[in-house]
């Protein structure tokens, strides 16, 4: 039997859980064009590509001038 793998595309609820936010927050981000890019399947179903969520999270990183060193 093949090992289980994480799905490439996540539902709205799965994406919210993956990001650690509520589904409502993810929806607000989408409506406000603030959150990660998404796919709209058949004009209705919202799906998030996990790699895009990872990239989007990396882009949210706040960098300090001293590289975070004290």
PDB file of N, CA and C in Angstrom:
ATOM      1  N   UNK A   1       0.845  -1.189   0.000  1.00  0.00           N
ATOM      2  CA  UNK A   1       0.000   0.000   0.000  1.00  0.00           C
ATOM      3  C   UNK A   1       0.886   1.246   0.000  1.00  0.00           C
ATOM      4  N   UNK A   2       0.544   2.206  -0.822  1.00  0.00           N
ATOM      5  CA  UNK A   2       1.319   3.447  -0.936  1.00  0.00           C
ATOM      6  C   UNK A   2       1.115   4.305   0.304  1.00  0.00           C
ATOM      7  N   UNK A   3       2.148   5.034   0.732  1.00  0.00           N
ATOM      8  CA  UNK A   3       2.006   5.916   1.899  1.00  0.00           C
ATOM      9  C   UNK A   3       1.053   7.065   1.600  1.00  0.00           C
ATOM     10  N   UNK A   4       0.360   7.516   2.634  1.00  0.00           N
ATOM     11  CA  UNK A   4      -0.556   8.642   2.509  1.00  0.00           C
ATOM     12  C   UNK A   4       0.254   9.927   2.299  1.00  0.00           C
ATOM     13  N   UNK A   5      -0.211  10.758   1.399  1.00  0.00           N
ATOM     14  CA  UNK A   5       0.442  12.042   1.177  1.00  0.00           C
ATOM     15  C   UNK A   5      -0.570  13.152   1.392  1.00  0.00           C
ATOM     16  N   UNK A   6      -0.072  14.330   1.705  1.00  0.00           N
ATOM     17  CA  UNK A   6      -0.936  15.493   1.887  1.00  0.00           C
ATOM     18  C   UNK A   6      -1.472  15.915   0.529  1.00  0.00           C
ATOM     19  N   UNK A   7      -2.756  16.217   0.430  1.00  0.00           N
ATOM     20  CA  UNK A   7      -3.289  16.646  -0.859  1.00  0.00           C
ATOM     21  C   UNK A   7      -2.628  17.937  -1.321  1.00  0.00           C
ATOM     22  N   UNK A   8      -2.446  18.045  -2.613  1.00  0.00           N
ATOM     23  CA  UNK A   8      -1.825  19.237  -3.174  1.00  0.00           C
ATOM     24  C   UNK A   8      -2.748  20.441  -3.024  1.00  0.00           C
ATOM     25  N   UNK A   9      -4.045  20.227  -3.283  1.00  0.00           N
ATOM     26  CA  UNK A   9      -5.017  21.311  -3.164  1.00  0.00           C
ATOM     27  C   UNK A   9      -5.846  21.110  -1.907  1.00  0.00           C
ATOM     28  N   UNK A  10      -5.979  22.182  -1.132  1.00  0.00           N
ATOM     29  CA  UNK A  10      -6.713  22.126   0.132  1.00  0.00           C
ATOM     30  C   UNK A  10      -8.044  22.850   0.001  1.00  0.00           C
ATOM     31  N   UNK A  11      -9.044  22.345   0.703  1.00  0.00           N
ATOM     32  CA  UNK A  11     -10.321  23.049   0.759  1.00  0.00           C
ATOM     33  C   UNK A  11     -10.133  24.321   1.575  1.00  0.00           C
ATOM     34  N   UNK A  12     -11.140  25.135   1.583  1.00  0.00           N
ATOM     35  CA  UNK A  12     -11.086  26.380   2.357  1.00  0.00           C
ATOM     36  C   UNK A  12     -10.860  26.089   3.844  1.00  0.00           C
ATOM     37  N   UNK A  13     -11.566  25.109   4.370  1.00  0.00           N
ATOM     38  CA  UNK A  13     -11.419  24.748   5.789  1.00  0.00           C
ATOM     39  C   UNK A  13     -10.034  24.185   6.083  1.00  0.00           C
ATOM     40  N   UNK A  14      -9.533  23.324   5.196  1.00  0.00           N
ATOM     41  CA  UNK A  14      -8.199  22.748   5.380  1.00  0.00           C
ATOM     42  C   UNK A  14      -7.124  23.828   5.301  1.00  0.00           C
ATOM     43  N   UNK A  15      -7.280  24.760   4.366  1.00  0.00           N
ATOM     44  CA  UNK A  15      -6.307  25.847   4.220  1.00  0.00           C
ATOM     45  C   UNK A  15      -6.302  26.739   5.462  1.00  0.00           C
ATOM     46  N   UNK A  16      -7.475  27.038   5.981  1.00  0.00           N
ATOM     47  CA  UNK A  16      -7.566  27.863   7.189  1.00  0.00           C
ATOM     48  C   UNK A  16      -6.865  27.173   8.358  1.00  0.00           C
ATOM     49  N   UNK A  17      -7.112  25.880   8.507  1.00  0.00           N
ATOM     50  CA  UNK A  17      -6.467  25.130   9.582  1.00  0.00           C
ATOM     51  C   UNK A  17      -4.954  25.098   9.378  1.00  0.00           C
ATOM     52  N   UNK A  18      -4.514  24.894   8.161  1.00  0.00           N
ATOM     53  CA  UNK A  18      -3.091  24.853   7.832  1.00  0.00           C
ATOM     54  C   UNK A  18      -2.400  26.163   8.198  1.00  0.00           C
ATOM     55  N   UNK A  19      -3.099  27.284   7.951  1.00  0.00           N
ATOM     56  CA  UNK A  19      -2.539  28.603   8.255  1.00  0.00           C
ATOM     57  C   UNK A  19      -2.736  29.019   9.704  1.00  0.00           C
ATOM     58  N   UNK A  20      -3.593  28.296  10.421  1.00  0.00           N
ATOM     59  CA  UNK A  20      -3.846  28.628  11.824  1.00  0.00           C
ATOM     60  C   UNK A  20      -4.784  29.804  12.005  1.00  0.00           C
ATOM     61  N   UNK A  21      -5.697  29.981  11.042  1.00  0.00           N
ATOM     62  CA  UNK A  21      -6.690  31.052  11.130  1.00  0.00           C
ATOM     63  C   UNK A  21      -8.076  30.437  10.952  1.00  0.00           C
ATOM     64  N   UNK A  22      -9.097  31.217  11.228  1.00  0.00           N
ATOM     65  CA  UNK A  22     -10.453  30.716  11.034  1.00  0.00           C
ATOM     66  C   UNK A  22     -10.822  30.748   9.554  1.00  0.00           C
ATOM     67  N   UNK A  23     -11.805  29.966   9.189  1.00  0.00           N
ATOM     68  CA  UNK A  23     -12.303  29.972   7.815  1.00  0.00           C
ATOM     69  C   UNK A  23     -12.829  31.355   7.458  1.00  0.00           C
ATOM     70  N   UNK A  24     -13.469  32.014   8.425  1.00  0.00           N
ATOM     71  CA  UNK A  24     -14.011  33.361   8.208  1.00  0.00           C
ATOM     72  C   UNK A  24     -12.886  34.356   7.898  1.00  0.00           C
ATOM     73  N   UNK A  25     -11.769  34.242   8.608  1.00  0.00           N
ATOM     74  CA  UNK A  25     -10.627  35.127   8.350  1.00  0.00           C
ATOM     75  C   UNK A  25     -10.101  34.910   6.940  1.00  0.00           C
ATOM     76  N   UNK A  26      -9.970  33.653   6.543  1.00  0.00           N
ATOM     77  CA  UNK A  26      -9.501  33.350   5.202  1.00  0.00           C
ATOM     78  C   UNK A  26     -10.453  33.915   4.154  1.00  0.00           C
ATOM     79  N   UNK A  27     -11.742  33.841   4.408  1.00  0.00           N
ATOM     80  CA  UNK A  27     -12.738  34.414   3.496  1.00  0.00           C
ATOM     81  C   UNK A  27     -12.604  35.931   3.418  1.00  0.00           C
ATOM     82  N   UNK A  28     -12.422  36.582   4.570  1.00  0.00           N
ATOM     83  CA  UNK A  28     -12.260  38.045   4.579  1.00  0.00           C
ATOM     84  C   UNK A  28     -11.022  38.451   3.787  1.00  0.00           C
ATOM     85  N   UNK A  29      -9.941  37.705   3.972  1.00  0.00           N
ATOM     86  CA  UNK A  29      -8.736  37.994   3.212  1.00  0.00           C
ATOM     87  C   UNK A  29      -9.000  37.867   1.719  1.00  0.00           C
ATOM     88  N   UNK A  30      -9.711  36.812   1.327  1.00  0.00           N
ATOM     89  CA  UNK A  30      -9.989  36.585  -0.086  1.00  0.00           C
ATOM     90  C   UNK A  30     -10.861  37.700  -0.649  1.00  0.00           C
ATOM     91  N   UNK A  31     -11.918  38.059   0.070  1.00  0.00           N
ATOM     92  CA  UNK A  31     -12.813  39.118  -0.391  1.00  0.00           C
ATOM     93  C   UNK A  31     -12.092  40.458  -0.473  1.00  0.00           C
ATOM     94  N   UNK A  32     -11.150  40.687   0.440  1.00  0.00           N
ATOM     95  CA  UNK A  32     -10.382  41.932   0.454  1.00  0.00           C
ATOM     96  C   UNK A  32      -9.124  41.871  -0.399  1.00  0.00           C
ATOM     97  N   UNK A  33      -8.906  40.748  -1.064  1.00  0.00           N
ATOM     98  CA  UNK A  33      -7.718  40.528  -1.900  1.00  0.00           C
ATOM     99  C   UNK A  33      -6.425  40.716  -1.116  1.00  0.00           C
ATOM    100  N   UNK A  34      -6.429  40.218   0.116  1.00  0.00           N
ATOM    101  CA  UNK A  34      -5.273  40.354   0.994  1.00  0.00           C
ATOM    102  C   UNK A  34      -4.531  39.044   1.213  1.00  0.00           C
ATOM    103  N   UNK A  35      -5.223  37.950   1.083  1.00  0.00           N
ATOM    104  CA  UNK A  35      -4.658  36.651   1.419  1.00  0.00           C
ATOM    105  C   UNK A  35      -3.961  35.973   0.260  1.00  0.00           C
ATOM    106  N   UNK A  36      -3.687  34.686   0.447  1.00  0.00           N
ATOM    107  CA  UNK A  36      -2.989  33.923  -0.590  1.00  0.00           C
ATOM    108  C   UNK A  36      -3.856  33.712  -1.827  1.00  0.00           C
ATOM    109  N   UNK A  37      -3.205  33.492  -2.965  1.00  0.00           N
ATOM    110  CA  UNK A  37      -3.917  33.192  -4.208  1.00  0.00           C
ATOM    111  C   UNK A  37      -4.664  31.871  -4.052  1.00  0.00           C
ATOM    112  N   UNK A  38      -5.725  31.727  -4.813  1.00  0.00           N
ATOM    113  CA  UNK A  38      -6.562  30.534  -4.727  1.00  0.00           C
ATOM    114  C   UNK A  38      -7.048  30.141  -6.107  1.00  0.00           C
ATOM    115  N   UNK A  39      -7.639  28.967  -6.184  1.00  0.00           N
ATOM    116  CA  UNK A  39      -8.204  28.452  -7.429  1.00  0.00           C
ATOM    117  C   UNK A  39      -9.709  28.374  -7.244  1.00  0.00           C
ATOM    118  N   UNK A  40     -10.436  28.784  -8.269  1.00  0.00           N
ATOM    119  CA  UNK A  40     -11.891  28.683  -8.243  1.00  0.00           C
ATOM    120  C   UNK A  40     -12.272  27.626  -9.274  1.00  0.00           C
ATOM    121  N   UNK A  41     -12.760  26.489  -8.807  1.00  0.00           N
ATOM    122  CA  UNK A  41     -13.112  25.366  -9.664  1.00  0.00           C
ATOM    123  C   UNK A  41     -14.585  25.450 -10.032  1.00  0.00           C
ATOM    124  N   UNK A  42     -14.864  25.363 -11.317  1.00  0.00           N
ATOM    125  CA  UNK A  42     -16.248  25.388 -11.830  1.00  0.00           C
ATOM    126  C   UNK A  42     -16.995  26.636 -11.365  1.00  0.00           C
ATOM    127  N   UNK A  43     -16.247  27.732 -11.173  1.00  0.00           N
ATOM    128  CA  UNK A  43     -16.866  28.991 -10.790  1.00  0.00           C
ATOM    129  C   UNK A  43     -17.409  29.034  -9.378  1.00  0.00           C
ATOM    130  N   UNK A  44     -17.143  27.991  -8.577  1.00  0.00           N
ATOM    131  CA  UNK A  44     -17.741  27.951  -7.249  1.00  0.00           C
ATOM    132  C   UNK A  44     -16.805  27.424  -6.159  1.00  0.00           C
ATOM    133  N   UNK A  45     -16.173  26.296  -6.388  1.00  0.00           N
ATOM    134  CA  UNK A  45     -15.358  25.653  -5.361  1.00  0.00           C
ATOM    135  C   UNK A  45     -14.022  26.368  -5.200  1.00  0.00           C
ATOM    136  N   UNK A  46     -13.695  26.724  -3.977  1.00  0.00           N
ATOM    137  CA  UNK A  46     -12.435  27.404  -3.675  1.00  0.00           C
ATOM    138  C   UNK A  46     -11.424  26.368  -3.195  1.00  0.00           C
ATOM    139  N   UNK A  47     -10.248  26.398  -3.799  1.00  0.00           N
ATOM    140  CA  UNK A  47      -9.168  25.502  -3.401  1.00  0.00           C
ATOM    141  C   UNK A  47      -7.881  26.301  -3.301  1.00  0.00           C
ATOM    142  N   UNK A  48      -7.027  25.893  -2.355  1.00  0.00           N
ATOM    143  CA  UNK A  48      -5.736  26.537  -2.149  1.00  0.00           C
ATOM    144  C   UNK A  48      -4.634  25.514  -2.379  1.00  0.00           C
ATOM    145  N   UNK A  49      -3.653  25.874  -3.178  1.00  0.00           N
ATOM    146  CA  UNK A  49      -2.508  25.010  -3.421  1.00  0.00           C
ATOM    147  C   UNK A  49      -1.575  25.153  -2.224  1.00  0.00           C
ATOM    148  N   UNK A  50      -1.208  24.039  -1.634  1.00  0.00           N
ATOM    149  CA  UNK A  50      -0.402  24.078  -0.413  1.00  0.00           C
ATOM    150  C   UNK A  50       0.931  24.803  -0.620  1.00  0.00           C
ATOM    151  N   UNK A  51       1.571  24.615  -1.757  1.00  0.00           N
ATOM    152  CA  UNK A  51       2.848  25.291  -2.021  1.00  0.00           C
ATOM    153  C   UNK A  51       2.666  26.808  -2.067  1.00  0.00           C
ATOM    154  N   UNK A  52       1.534  27.267  -2.584  1.00  0.00           N
ATOM    155  CA  UNK A  52       1.265  28.707  -2.630  1.00  0.00           C
ATOM    156  C   UNK A  52       1.036  29.247  -1.223  1.00  0.00           C
ATOM    157  N   UNK A  53       0.381  28.455  -0.373  1.00  0.00           N
ATOM    158  CA  UNK A  53       0.201  28.879   1.026  1.00  0.00           C
ATOM    159  C   UNK A  53       1.552  29.024   1.704  1.00  0.00           C
ATOM    160  N   UNK A  54       2.454  28.077   1.454  1.00  0.00           N
ATOM    161  CA  UNK A  54       3.794  28.147   2.047  1.00  0.00           C
ATOM    162  C   UNK A  54       4.546  29.382   1.564  1.00  0.00           C
ATOM    163  N   UNK A  55       4.481  29.641   0.260  1.00  0.00           N
ATOM    164  CA  UNK A  55       5.152  30.814  -0.311  1.00  0.00           C
ATOM    165  C   UNK A  55       4.566  32.095   0.262  1.00  0.00           C
ATOM    166  N   UNK A  56       3.255  32.158   0.350  1.00  0.00           N
ATOM    167  CA  UNK A  56       2.584  33.348   0.875  1.00  0.00           C
ATOM    168  C   UNK A  56       3.001  33.587   2.334  1.00  0.00           C
ATOM    169  N   UNK A  57       3.067  32.514   3.124  1.00  0.00           N
ATOM    170  CA  UNK A  57       3.493  32.664   4.524  1.00  0.00           C
ATOM    171  C   UNK A  57       4.933  33.180   4.587  1.00  0.00           C
ATOM    172  N   UNK A  58       5.806  32.655   3.733  1.00  0.00           N
ATOM    173  CA  UNK A  58       7.195  33.128   3.704  1.00  0.00           C
ATOM    174  C   UNK A  58       7.257  34.616   3.373  1.00  0.00           C
ATOM    175  N   UNK A  59       6.360  35.078   2.511  1.00  0.00           N
ATOM    176  CA  UNK A  59       6.334  36.488   2.125  1.00  0.00           C
ATOM    177  C   UNK A  59       5.840  37.386   3.261  1.00  0.00           C
ATOM    178  N   UNK A  60       5.220  36.810   4.271  1.00  0.00           N
ATOM    179  CA  UNK A  60       4.720  37.583   5.403  1.00  0.00           C
ATOM    180  C   UNK A  60       5.792  37.799   6.469  1.00  0.00           C
ATOM    181  N   UNK A  61       6.951  37.203   6.252  1.00  0.00           N
ATOM    182  CA  UNK A  61       8.048  37.309   7.215  1.00  0.00           C
ATOM    183  C   UNK A  61       8.521  38.751   7.321  1.00  0.00           C
ATOM    184  N   UNK A  62       8.642  39.209   8.538  1.00  0.00           N
ATOM    185  CA  UNK A  62       9.151  40.558   8.795  1.00  0.00           C
ATOM    186  C   UNK A  62      10.635  40.431   9.120  1.00  0.00           C
ATOM    187  N   UNK A  63      11.445  41.104   8.332  1.00  0.00           N
ATOM    188  CA  UNK A  63      12.886  41.017   8.506  1.00  0.00           C
ATOM    189  C   UNK A  63      13.392  42.259   9.219  1.00  0.00           C
ATOM    190  N   UNK A  64      14.230  42.051  10.199  1.00  0.00           N
ATOM    191  CA  UNK A  64      14.835  43.150  10.939  1.00  0.00           C
ATOM    192  C   UNK A  64      16.203  43.455  10.335  1.00  0.00           C
ATOM    193  N   UNK A  65      16.610  44.695  10.473  1.00  0.00           N
ATOM    194  CA  UNK A  65      17.866  45.129   9.890  1.00  0.00           C
ATOM    195  C   UNK A  65      19.064  44.320  10.378  1.00  0.00           C
ATOM    196  N   UNK A  66      19.052  43.931  11.651  1.00  0.00           N
ATOM    197  CA  UNK A  66      20.193  43.201  12.197  1.00  0.00           C
ATOM    198  C   UNK A  66      20.054  41.694  12.035  1.00  0.00           C
ATOM    199  N   UNK A  67      19.098  41.263  11.220  1.00  0.00           N
ATOM    200  CA  UNK A  67      18.941  39.829  10.960  1.00  0.00           C
ATOM    201  C   UNK A  67      18.375  39.064  12.143  1.00  0.00           C
ATOM    202  N   UNK A  68      17.783  39.759  13.100  1.00  0.00           N
ATOM    203  CA  UNK A  68      17.197  39.100  14.256  1.00  0.00           C
ATOM    204  C   UNK A  68      18.186  38.773  15.350  1.00  0.00           C
ATOM    205  N   UNK A  69      19.427  39.241  15.201  1.00  0.00           N
ATOM    206  CA  UNK A  69      20.443  38.972  16.224  1.00  0.00           C
ATOM    207  C   UNK A  69      20.447  40.075  17.263  1.00  0.00           C
ATOM    208  N   UNK A  70      20.778  39.704  18.465  1.00  0.00           N
ATOM    209  CA  UNK A  70      20.823  40.691  19.559  1.00  0.00           C
ATOM    210  C   UNK A  70      22.169  41.355  19.640  1.00  0.00           C
TER     211      UNK A  70
END
